[in-house]
C-alpha atoms as a PDB file:
ATOM      1  CA  UNK A   1      10.664  57.037 -49.986  1.00  0.00           C
ATOM      2  CA  UNK A   2      13.520  56.288 -52.384  1.00  0.00           C
ATOM      3  CA  UNK A   3      15.618  54.809 -49.558  1.00  0.00           C
ATOM      4  CA  UNK A   4      12.813  52.409 -48.632  1.00  0.00           C
ATOM      5  CA  UNK A   5      12.305  51.362 -52.255  1.00  0.00           C
ATOM      6  CA  UNK A   6      16.036  50.823 -52.695  1.00  0.00           C
ATOM      7  CA  UNK A   7      16.144  48.729 -49.524  1.00  0.00           C
ATOM      8  CA  UNK A   8      13.199  46.653 -50.688  1.00  0.00           C
ATOM      9  CA  UNK A   9      14.793  46.088 -54.090  1.00  0.00           C
ATOM     10  CA  UNK A  10      18.092  45.009 -52.550  1.00  0.00           C
ATOM     11  CA  UNK A  11      16.295  42.633 -50.205  1.00  0.00           C
ATOM     12  CA  UNK A  12      14.365  41.118 -53.103  1.00  0.00           C
ATOM     13  CA  UNK A  13      17.614  40.467 -54.979  1.00  0.00           C
ATOM     14  CA  UNK A  14      19.231  38.873 -51.921  1.00  0.00           C
ATOM     15  CA  UNK A  15      16.170  36.818 -51.104  1.00  0.00           C
ATOM     16  CA  UNK A  16      16.052  35.519 -54.651  1.00  0.00           C
ATOM     17  CA  UNK A  17      19.574  34.118 -54.210  1.00  0.00           C
ATOM     18  CA  UNK A  18      19.439  30.614 -52.804  1.00  0.00           C
ATOM     19  CA  UNK A  19      22.285  31.283 -50.370  1.00  0.00           C
ATOM     20  CA  UNK A  20      20.448  34.086 -48.553  1.00  0.00           C
ATOM     21  CA  UNK A  21      17.443  32.962 -46.549  1.00  0.00           C
ATOM     22  CA  UNK A  22      16.490  35.767 -44.143  1.00  0.00           C
ATOM     23  CA  UNK A  23      14.149  33.598 -42.090  1.00  0.00           C
ATOM     24  CA  UNK A  24      16.832  30.960 -41.606  1.00  0.00           C
ATOM     25  CA  UNK A  25      19.388  33.603 -40.608  1.00  0.00           C
ATOM     26  CA  UNK A  26      16.933  35.131 -38.117  1.00  0.00           C
ATOM     27  CA  UNK A  27      16.196  31.726 -36.584  1.00  0.00           C
ATOM     28  CA  UNK A  28      19.878  30.857 -36.214  1.00  0.00           C
ATOM     29  CA  UNK A  29      20.719  34.256 -34.731  1.00  0.00           C
ATOM     30  CA  UNK A  30      17.824  34.115 -32.274  1.00  0.00           C
ATOM     31  CA  UNK A  31      18.805  30.611 -31.161  1.00  0.00           C
ATOM     32  CA  UNK A  32      22.470  31.528 -30.729  1.00  0.00           C
ATOM     33  CA  UNK A  33      21.607  34.709 -28.837  1.00  0.00           C
ATOM     34  CA  UNK A  34      19.163  32.806 -26.634  1.00  0.00           C
ATOM     35  CA  UNK A  35      21.900  30.328 -25.721  1.00  0.00           C
ATOM     36  CA  UNK A  36      24.067  33.196 -24.462  1.00  0.00           C
ATOM     37  CA  UNK A  37      21.363  35.379 -22.894  1.00  0.00           C
ATOM     38  CA  UNK A  38      19.808  32.546 -20.879  1.00  0.00           C
ATOM     39  CA  UNK A  39      23.032  32.406 -18.865  1.00  0.00           C
ATOM     40  CA  UNK A  40      22.342  35.885 -17.519  1.00  0.00           C
ATOM     41  CA  UNK A  41      18.566  36.346 -17.676  1.00  0.00           C
ATOM     42  CA  UNK A  42      15.479  34.244 -17.091  1.00  0.00           C
ATOM     43  CA  UNK A  43      14.056  34.048 -20.614  1.00  0.00           C
ATOM     44  CA  UNK A  44      12.180  31.689 -22.881  1.00  0.00           C
ATOM     45  CA  UNK A  45      13.199  31.042 -26.482  1.00  0.00           C
ATOM     46  CA  UNK A  46      10.210  33.041 -27.771  1.00  0.00           C
ATOM     47  CA  UNK A  47      11.366  36.067 -25.728  1.00  0.00           C
ATOM     48  CA  UNK A  48      14.308  36.594 -28.112  1.00  0.00           C
ATOM     49  CA  UNK A  49      13.494  38.290 -31.402  1.00  0.00           C
ATOM     50  CA  UNK A  50      15.908  39.321 -34.123  1.00  0.00           C
ATOM     51  CA  UNK A  51      15.711  41.168 -37.395  1.00  0.00           C
ATOM     52  CA  UNK A  52      18.379  41.713 -40.037  1.00  0.00           C
ATOM     53  CA  UNK A  53      18.081  44.724 -42.331  1.00  0.00           C
ATOM     54  CA  UNK A  54      20.216  45.685 -45.294  1.00  0.00           C
ATOM     55  CA  UNK A  55      21.012  49.388 -45.490  1.00  0.00           C
ATOM     56  CA  UNK A  56      21.629  51.467 -48.605  1.00  0.00           C
ATOM     57  CA  UNK A  57      25.379  51.400 -48.086  1.00  0.00           C
ATOM     58  CA  UNK A  58      25.453  47.589 -48.128  1.00  0.00           C
ATOM     59  CA  UNK A  59      25.882  47.115 -44.382  1.00  0.00           C
ATOM     60  CA  UNK A  60      23.653  44.772 -42.442  1.00  0.00           C
ATOM     61  CA  UNK A  61      22.004  45.925 -39.227  1.00  0.00           C
ATOM     62  CA  UNK A  62      21.024  43.385 -36.579  1.00  0.00           C
ATOM     63  CA  UNK A  63      18.175  44.370 -34.320  1.00  0.00           C
ATOM     64  CA  UNK A  64      17.553  42.280 -31.253  1.00  0.00           C
ATOM     65  CA  UNK A  65      14.778  42.495 -28.685  1.00  0.00           C
ATOM     66  CA  UNK A  66      14.815  40.358 -25.559  1.00  0.00           C
ATOM     67  CA  UNK A  67      12.123  40.238 -22.898  1.00  0.00           C
ATOM     68  CA  UNK A  68      13.518  38.903 -19.642  1.00  0.00           C
ATOM     69  CA  UNK A  69      11.574  38.032 -16.500  1.00  0.00           C
ATOM     70  CA  UNK A  70      14.545  38.724 -14.252  1.00  0.00           C
ATOM     71  CA  UNK A  71      18.316  38.907 -14.085  1.00  0.00           C
ATOM     72  CA  UNK A  72      20.020  35.843 -12.658  1.00  0.00           C
ATOM     73  CA  UNK A  73      21.893  36.487  -9.431  1.00  0.00           C
ATOM     74  CA  UNK A  74      25.570  35.594  -9.369  1.00  0.00           C
ATOM     75  CA  UNK A  75      27.919  35.247  -6.428  1.00  0.00           C
ATOM     76  CA  UNK A  76      30.538  37.911  -5.837  1.00  0.00           C
ATOM     77  CA  UNK A  77      33.906  37.158  -7.427  1.00  0.00           C
END
């Protein structure tokens, strides 16, 4: 429970800083990832979801979930 409370407190501090906008970061990451992933998979923009978490040790963890309808077929090199 302490880890979760610590995480929440750290996030509150970061969110209160004007430079850190988690929603903006998530939107930018999802858009950038979509631009890459669409080259390999048949996906829509809403099929790409991201989440950034701050861990106790100060490292950020990016979680990404992509739902793809199919893999694009490429010619043999």
